[in-house]
Amino acid sequence: MKRIKLLLENKDYRAMLSRIAEAEKERIFCRHDLTHFFDVARLLYIYALEDGLDIDKELIYAIGLLHDIGRAAQYESGEEHHTASARAVERLMPLCGFDADETQAAANAILMHRNGGGDALAQLVYRADKRSRLCFACDARAKCNWPADKMNLEPEI
């Protein structure tokens, strides 16, 4: 997974992760960190395999690792994170060796990941993002502003 290693080592990607961590340091709810990003990537990969989709593993992991990276911009400027994430995809993925088609597929899936629409890949991102959250076991759930229909209230086993 050479291209994923390049992404994880990219100084701009690392800087965005740091900005998110700083903005969320007092957050009692789910965080947008590498743990969440890898959880989403792994679920995406499992779902793609289960659904028989022929999607490159590195592309899946790139999407998982980038789907919420725009949170830094959201916290700083108010820009919606999925838009900022898609913009980051368009800048970072080519630097890591992803081609134009892969980059566009990732950007499109990430743009749609908040509402569950779009193509099969976007729907998988939505599902993996929601199922990665452990709302059913969260001590802060009563204070969370997420609607109950978006919470993951049952473990997927």
C-alpha atoms as a PDB file:
ATOM      1  CA  MET A   1       0.000   0.000   0.000  1.00  0.00           C
ATOM      2  CA  LYS A   2       2.672   2.378  -1.201  1.00  0.00           C
ATOM      3  CA  ARG A   3       0.253   5.176  -2.103  1.00  0.00           C
ATOM      4  CA  ILE A   4      -1.391   5.068   1.340  1.00  0.00           C
ATOM      5  CA  LYS A   5       2.026   5.330   2.971  1.00  0.00           C
ATOM      6  CA  LEU A   6       2.702   8.426   0.861  1.00  0.00           C
ATOM      7  CA  LEU A   7      -0.615   9.940   1.976  1.00  0.00           C
ATOM      8  CA  LEU A   8       0.050   9.241   5.651  1.00  0.00           C
ATOM      9  CA  GLU A   9       3.509  10.809   5.343  1.00  0.00           C
ATOM     10  CA  ASN A  10       2.302  13.860   3.396  1.00  0.00           C
ATOM     11  CA  LYS A  11       3.067  17.035   5.373  1.00  0.00           C
ATOM     12  CA  ASP A  12      -0.173  18.763   4.353  1.00  0.00           C
ATOM     13  CA  TYR A  13      -2.249  15.742   5.378  1.00  0.00           C
ATOM     14  CA  ARG A  14      -0.410  15.569   8.726  1.00  0.00           C
ATOM     15  CA  ALA A  15      -0.990  19.299   9.237  1.00  0.00           C
ATOM     16  CA  MET A  16      -4.737  18.901   8.636  1.00  0.00           C
ATOM     17  CA  LEU A  17      -4.838  16.032  11.147  1.00  0.00           C
ATOM     18  CA  SER A  18      -3.076  18.241  13.691  1.00  0.00           C
ATOM     19  CA  ARG A  19      -5.502  21.121  13.103  1.00  0.00           C
ATOM     20  CA  ILE A  20      -8.449  18.778  13.638  1.00  0.00           C
ATOM     21  CA  ALA A  21      -6.889  17.363  16.814  1.00  0.00           C
ATOM     22  CA  GLU A  22      -6.343  20.861  18.170  1.00  0.00           C
ATOM     23  CA  ALA A  23      -9.934  21.891  17.401  1.00  0.00           C
ATOM     24  CA  GLU A  24     -11.313  18.727  18.987  1.00  0.00           C
ATOM     25  CA  LYS A  25      -9.042  18.470  22.032  1.00  0.00           C
ATOM     26  CA  GLU A  26     -11.905  19.247  24.462  1.00  0.00           C
ATOM     27  CA  ARG A  27     -14.544  17.362  22.462  1.00  0.00           C
ATOM     28  CA  ILE A  28     -16.467  14.727  24.454  1.00  0.00           C
ATOM     29  CA  PHE A  29     -18.071  13.263  21.345  1.00  0.00           C
ATOM     30  CA  CYS A  30     -16.580  11.174  18.546  1.00  0.00           C
ATOM     31  CA  ARG A  31     -13.356  12.562  17.171  1.00  0.00           C
ATOM     32  CA  HIS A  32     -12.161  12.820  13.586  1.00  0.00           C
ATOM     33  CA  ASP A  33      -8.761  11.248  13.942  1.00  0.00           C
ATOM     34  CA  LEU A  34      -6.778   8.412  12.381  1.00  0.00           C
ATOM     35  CA  THR A  35      -8.656   5.885  14.501  1.00  0.00           C
ATOM     36  CA  HIS A  36     -11.955   6.975  12.946  1.00  0.00           C
ATOM     37  CA  PHE A  37     -10.430   7.255   9.482  1.00  0.00           C
ATOM     38  CA  PHE A  38      -8.963   3.740   9.621  1.00  0.00           C
ATOM     39  CA  ASP A  39     -12.205   2.341  11.057  1.00  0.00           C
ATOM     40  CA  VAL A  40     -14.084   3.788   8.094  1.00  0.00           C
ATOM     41  CA  ALA A  41     -11.463   2.497   5.633  1.00  0.00           C
ATOM     42  CA  ARG A  42     -11.593  -1.022   7.047  1.00  0.00           C
ATOM     43  CA  LEU A  43     -15.401  -1.109   7.022  1.00  0.00           C
ATOM     44  CA  LEU A  44     -15.397   0.230   3.469  1.00  0.00           C
ATOM     45  CA  TYR A  45     -13.088  -2.572   2.420  1.00  0.00           C
ATOM     46  CA  ILE A  46     -15.226  -5.215   4.129  1.00  0.00           C
ATOM     47  CA  TYR A  47     -18.434  -3.847   2.612  1.00  0.00           C
ATOM     48  CA  ALA A  48     -16.904  -3.695  -0.856  1.00  0.00           C
ATOM     49  CA  LEU A  49     -15.806  -7.326  -0.561  1.00  0.00           C
ATOM     50  CA  GLU A  50     -19.182  -8.430   0.800  1.00  0.00           C
ATOM     51  CA  ASP A  51     -20.989  -6.607  -2.015  1.00  0.00           C
ATOM     52  CA  GLY A  52     -18.679  -8.092  -4.642  1.00  0.00           C
ATOM     53  CA  LEU A  53     -17.470  -4.684  -5.809  1.00  0.00           C
ATOM     54  CA  ASP A  54     -14.194  -4.563  -7.695  1.00  0.00           C
ATOM     55  CA  ILE A  55     -12.642  -1.487  -6.097  1.00  0.00           C
ATOM     56  CA  ASP A  56      -8.908  -1.127  -5.548  1.00  0.00           C
ATOM     57  CA  LYS A  57      -7.945  -1.543  -1.891  1.00  0.00           C
ATOM     58  CA  GLU A  58      -5.718   1.539  -1.906  1.00  0.00           C
ATOM     59  CA  LEU A  59      -8.527   3.634  -3.354  1.00  0.00           C
ATOM     60  CA  ILE A  60     -10.838   2.428  -0.592  1.00  0.00           C
ATOM     61  CA  TYR A  61      -8.279   3.235   2.088  1.00  0.00           C
ATOM     62  CA  ALA A  62      -7.572   6.662   0.593  1.00  0.00           C
ATOM     63  CA  ILE A  63     -11.283   7.472   0.743  1.00  0.00           C
ATOM     64  CA  GLY A  64     -11.516   6.316   4.346  1.00  0.00           C
ATOM     65  CA  LEU A  65      -8.462   8.334   5.337  1.00  0.00           C
ATOM     66  CA  LEU A  66      -9.663  11.467   3.543  1.00  0.00           C
ATOM     67  CA  HIS A  67     -13.442  11.458   3.978  1.00  0.00           C
ATOM     68  CA  ASP A  68     -13.443  13.823   6.997  1.00  0.00           C
ATOM     69  CA  ILE A  69     -10.084  15.581   6.563  1.00  0.00           C
ATOM     70  CA  GLY A  70     -11.999  18.760   5.682  1.00  0.00           C
ATOM     71  CA  ARG A  71     -13.065  19.078   9.324  1.00  0.00           C
ATOM     72  CA  ALA A  72     -10.046  21.343   9.779  1.00  0.00           C
ATOM     73  CA  ALA A  73     -11.489  23.845   7.304  1.00  0.00           C
ATOM     74  CA  GLN A  74     -14.973  23.470   8.798  1.00  0.00           C
ATOM     75  CA  TYR A  75     -13.715  24.354  12.269  1.00  0.00           C
ATOM     76  CA  GLU A  76     -11.674  27.288  10.972  1.00  0.00           C
ATOM     77  CA  SER A  77     -13.917  28.854   8.322  1.00  0.00           C
ATOM     78  CA  GLY A  78     -17.311  27.187   8.537  1.00  0.00           C
ATOM     79  CA  GLU A  79     -16.968  25.524   5.132  1.00  0.00           C
ATOM     80  CA  GLU A  80     -18.826  22.217   5.035  1.00  0.00           C
ATOM     81  CA  HIS A  81     -16.368  19.415   5.707  1.00  0.00           C
ATOM     82  CA  HIS A  82     -17.384  17.187   2.806  1.00  0.00           C
ATOM     83  CA  THR A  83     -16.667  20.007   0.341  1.00  0.00           C
ATOM     84  CA  ALA A  84     -13.314  20.791   1.945  1.00  0.00           C
ATOM     85  CA  SER A  85     -12.482  17.065   2.060  1.00  0.00           C
ATOM     86  CA  ALA A  86     -13.206  16.650  -1.653  1.00  0.00           C
ATOM     87  CA  ARG A  87     -10.974  19.622  -2.407  1.00  0.00           C
ATOM     88  CA  ALA A  88      -8.186  18.045  -0.320  1.00  0.00           C
ATOM     89  CA  VAL A  89      -8.660  14.780  -2.248  1.00  0.00           C
ATOM     90  CA  GLU A  90      -8.150  16.601  -5.544  1.00  0.00           C
ATOM     91  CA  ARG A  91      -4.895  18.066  -4.248  1.00  0.00           C
ATOM     92  CA  LEU A  92      -3.443  15.147  -2.247  1.00  0.00           C
ATOM     93  CA  MET A  93      -4.317  11.988  -4.150  1.00  0.00           C
ATOM     94  CA  PRO A  94      -2.396  12.857  -7.342  1.00  0.00           C
ATOM     95  CA  LEU A  95       0.666  13.611  -5.189  1.00  0.00           C
ATOM     96  CA  CYS A  96       0.416  10.057  -3.851  1.00  0.00           C
ATOM     97  CA  GLY A  97       0.197   8.377  -7.263  1.00  0.00           C
ATOM     98  CA  PHE A  98      -3.558   8.086  -7.750  1.00  0.00           C
ATOM     99  CA  ASP A  99      -4.747   8.722 -11.292  1.00  0.00           C
ATOM    100  CA  ALA A 100      -7.412  11.200 -12.390  1.00  0.00           C
ATOM    101  CA  ASP A 101     -10.219   8.604 -12.464  1.00  0.00           C
ATOM    102  CA  GLU A 102      -9.422   7.367  -8.963  1.00  0.00           C
ATOM    103  CA  THR A 103      -9.184  10.907  -7.667  1.00  0.00           C
ATOM    104  CA  GLN A 104     -12.523  11.864  -9.205  1.00  0.00           C
ATOM    105  CA  ALA A 105     -14.225   8.714  -7.859  1.00  0.00           C
ATOM    106  CA  ALA A 106     -12.919   9.503  -4.366  1.00  0.00           C
ATOM    107  CA  ALA A 107     -13.940  13.159  -4.540  1.00  0.00           C
ATOM    108  CA  ASN A 108     -17.452  12.251  -5.706  1.00  0.00           C
ATOM    109  CA  ALA A 109     -17.910   9.594  -3.005  1.00  0.00           C
ATOM    110  CA  ILE A 110     -16.709  11.985  -0.308  1.00  0.00           C
ATOM    111  CA  LEU A 111     -18.953  14.809  -1.542  1.00  0.00           C
ATOM    112  CA  MET A 112     -21.966  12.511  -1.151  1.00  0.00           C
ATOM    113  CA  HIS A 113     -20.964  10.727   2.075  1.00  0.00           C
ATOM    114  CA  ARG A 114     -23.122  12.844   4.349  1.00  0.00           C
ATOM    115  CA  ASN A 115     -26.496  11.952   2.871  1.00  0.00           C
ATOM    116  CA  GLY A 116     -26.192   8.398   1.549  1.00  0.00           C
ATOM    117  CA  GLY A 117     -26.863   9.356  -2.064  1.00  0.00           C
ATOM    118  CA  GLY A 118     -24.724   8.985  -5.132  1.00  0.00           C
ATOM    119  CA  ASP A 119     -23.162   5.874  -6.612  1.00  0.00           C
ATOM    120  CA  ALA A 120     -22.455   2.563  -4.869  1.00  0.00           C
ATOM    121  CA  LEU A 121     -19.111   3.803  -3.569  1.00  0.00           C
ATOM    122  CA  ALA A 122     -20.644   6.932  -2.024  1.00  0.00           C
ATOM    123  CA  GLN A 123     -23.306   4.805  -0.359  1.00  0.00           C
ATOM    124  CA  LEU A 124     -20.615   2.559   1.104  1.00  0.00           C
ATOM    125  CA  VAL A 125     -18.776   5.586   2.505  1.00  0.00           C
ATOM    126  CA  TYR A 126     -21.991   6.800   4.140  1.00  0.00           C
ATOM    127  CA  ARG A 127     -22.659   3.360   5.636  1.00  0.00           C
ATOM    128  CA  ALA A 128     -19.082   2.837   6.861  1.00  0.00           C
ATOM    129  CA  ASP A 129     -18.935   6.326   8.365  1.00  0.00           C
ATOM    130  CA  LYS A 130     -22.130   5.799  10.351  1.00  0.00           C
ATOM    131  CA  ARG A 131     -21.394   2.204  11.371  1.00  0.00           C
ATOM    132  CA  SER A 132     -17.889   3.120  12.537  1.00  0.00           C
ATOM    133  CA  ARG A 133     -19.358   5.154  15.377  1.00  0.00           C
ATOM    134  CA  LEU A 134     -20.045   3.325  18.613  1.00  0.00           C
ATOM    135  CA  CYS A 135     -23.057   5.388  19.709  1.00  0.00           C
ATOM    136  CA  PHE A 136     -24.600   2.349  21.381  1.00  0.00           C
ATOM    137  CA  ALA A 137     -21.738   2.365  23.919  1.00  0.00           C
ATOM    138  CA  CYS A 138     -20.988   6.095  24.146  1.00  0.00           C
ATOM    139  CA  ASP A 139     -21.046   7.800  27.546  1.00  0.00           C
ATOM    140  CA  ALA A 140     -21.793  11.168  25.882  1.00  0.00           C
ATOM    141  CA  ARG A 141     -24.744   9.918  23.793  1.00  0.00           C
ATOM    142  CA  ALA A 142     -27.361  11.762  25.869  1.00  0.00           C
ATOM    143  CA  LYS A 143     -25.599  15.063  25.116  1.00  0.00           C
ATOM    144  CA  CYS A 144     -25.008  14.333  21.413  1.00  0.00           C
ATOM    145  CA  ASN A 145     -26.844  16.507  18.915  1.00  0.00           C
ATOM    146  CA  TRP A 146     -27.006  13.792  16.253  1.00  0.00           C
ATOM    147  CA  PRO A 147     -30.546  12.689  15.470  1.00  0.00           C
ATOM    148  CA  ALA A 148     -31.302   9.166  16.692  1.00  0.00           C
ATOM    149  CA  ASP A 149     -31.869   7.947  13.121  1.00  0.00           C
ATOM    150  CA  LYS A 150     -28.240   8.770  12.283  1.00  0.00           C
ATOM    151  CA  MET A 151     -26.766   7.175  15.401  1.00  0.00           C
ATOM    152  CA  ASN A 152     -25.332   3.686  15.343  1.00  0.00           C
ATOM    153  CA  LEU A 153     -27.457   2.251  18.143  1.00  0.00           C
ATOM    154  CA  GLU A 154     -26.800  -1.427  17.487  1.00  0.00           C
ATOM    155  CA  PRO A 155     -23.475  -3.153  16.958  1.00  0.00           C
ATOM    156  CA  GLU A 156     -23.005  -4.732  13.580  1.00  0.00           C
ATOM    157  CA  ILE A 157     -21.931  -8.279  14.213  1.00  0.00           C
END
